[in-house]
Structure formats: structure tokens, C-alpha cells
């Protein structure tokens, strides 16, 4: 099947939706992208594009954005180094990127895509390929792509109601002024029942902070719930190293609850398909949400272009992707547990990490080779 001339409506203008728009347009499809906001906004903060995502990024015709990461350093709550993993400085690499810069680069690459703002989809008829907007307008297409995230309008059409459950963890995110001479590395500070991740953005002029705490008090999903910086400082008052200085600079912080969502069982039906967080939301502990969405986008376009018809292409896409994202989601769940160990397990686990790296220097990175070495641009898988 050729995608040339096929009409596609994509619901959602995030990283996954824009990447799918570029990938499908590259195969000749006529793409309309619907974004409910009035513009692409600077929501969120930092993301990490790992080599598996960087390969797709380059295959979409994009130049690297953000800082190329040199290392990942794991520290205990006092700030003492547990281990440091040097990252490869050749090939696709790891990149530390402001989410808004990632979206802007994709949007600039989406020439020929009809981008409609203030276009909120309220219903999708999967079999007919029809999207209904909040004002009553309907759009018909050969394919509808639901790339509209956690609260996708399409996902329940395909899978019914699948309520998430609260993990007992909340996360704060904040940006503070950076120091351009700081090393381009991701630092993870691990403590009992909590951890904090930080890395530089935009040439080091900003520093991204994400801090996670286990607690019973429930918090809403979503990135844009303001909280008091004092709550963040109290939660991490026992942490050392640079953390107290960083947190003193926080003047605006957002809090959200971390919820577990099932990976969708059914990704497609008729003329409709799910992509990215709409199909497989993940906790942020492997930094793979954006990367899996990039892989999805490339694979969807590839499988549709190779298939004799839309249903066959969509089935091949789900078959290629679902097992991999299930494994990535589970890896993120394990990291959530490993970062929050308490005594006496934490010192023993940290010693094991040090010894493992001493005898097999690349062991910590090698264990996730199945994620980072994957190349979705080779055959679309």
C-alpha cells in the first residue's frame, strides 16, 4: 500500500503526534494535526532522548537538539557517588533537551502538515475514520491517529474504561538557573523512599529538577498543578551535595501524582490507531516516554507503507511495538523500586553496583542495551 494521497488526522500535537505527522508526510500522506491548545506551549521541562530515539530523530531529517550527555552519575542521599556511567560520544548519543525545543524542532520539520490549533477532539468513530471536534465539526480520514496522551479520547473507544491506580508516589518538577560550565550529565540522588534527578538544559543556562517521593497523600495526574517550593524542600531536607543549593533557588514548582496505566490491549480498529502515551503510558524512571513515542511514529509509517491495506499495516505496527513497550514499562517500574531502597538494602545494593562496574565497567549501561541499541529505522520494528 502506498501512503501517497491518503488522508490522516492526528489527534494531539505533542512529540508523538508531531513525529507521526512528519513520518507519515514523508511517505506522501496528507496529514492534518489537531492540537487543542492555542499554540505549542512550553509545558513540561526536560526530557532525555536516548540513542534509540536519536536514531528516529535523525531518520526524520532532524538535526540534534539539546546538550549531548556525557555521563549518568548515581549518588546516595548524602551526595556521595555510587557509580558513574560514561556515555558514548560518537553515534546517535544521549541528549538532554527542553521539551519545548523538541516540539519546536518537530513543528518546523512538519512543513506540508496542516496544523490546527484550538481543535479539541471530543469523539472518534474508529470504523468510519471520523473525528468530531468540540464545536461540532467532523473530519473524515483514511486514518485517525490518537496521539493525545494519558486522557486520550480514542483509547477508551478501543479498550473501554481502564482506570489507572495511584502508585503511592508524587513528583515535583522545577527549573532553576543553570551554570553553563557544568558538565552535561544526569545526576540521580537516591534516598529512602525518594529520589531526585537533575541535569542541565539549553546550553547549561537552565537546570531541570524532577524529585519523586513515596507518600500516601494522593495528588492529581498532570504536569501543571502548582505547589509550594517549601513542600519540595521539606521532602528532601536530608539530602546533601548540591541538592540543598539547587532547591533554595526553586521559586516555582509543579506537583503531580504518578499513576500506573495498563498498556492498551487493543491499539487499533477500523481506521484508527493509538500511539505514544495514549497506548502505553510509562512512569518516568527510564526516561523512555518520548523515545517510545518516536519509535512508534516511525514504525507506524513504515508498516503502513509496506502493508497491502490499512488494517494489515495497523496490525503489523501493534505486533512490532507492543512487546517492546511492555518491557520498557516494566523496566521503569523496577527502577522506581531500586532508587528508593532503605537500609539495610540500600548500602548493599550500592556496593553491588560499585563492584559490578569495577569488574565489568560498562555493565550498568549494557543491561539496558536492549533499549538503547534498538534501531526502529531498520525495518521499522
Foldseek 3Di string as FASTA:
>chain_A
DQQAAFEEEEEALFLLRLLLLLQSVVRHHQYEYEAQAQDLDQFDFKFKQFQQLLLLCVVSVFDDDAAFAQWEWEAEQQRHTLDIAGWDPDHSGMHIERRSVSSVRSVVSNPSYHYDYSWAWQAADQQQQWTATPVGDIDHGLAYEFAHADPTRCQCVFFNDFDWAFPQKKKKKFKFAFDLVDHQYWYWYFEAQKIKIWGAIDSGRMMIIMIMGGHDDAFAADFDAKDQLVVVCVRSVSGHDCVNVVSVRTPTMTMHTDIATDQRPDQGDNRYGYAFNSRADADPQVSCRSSRSSLLSNLLSLLCRPDPGNVRSRVVSCVVRVVVSVVVRVVSVVSSVLRNDDPPVVVVVSVVVNVVCVVVVNVVVVVCCVPNVDHCNVSND
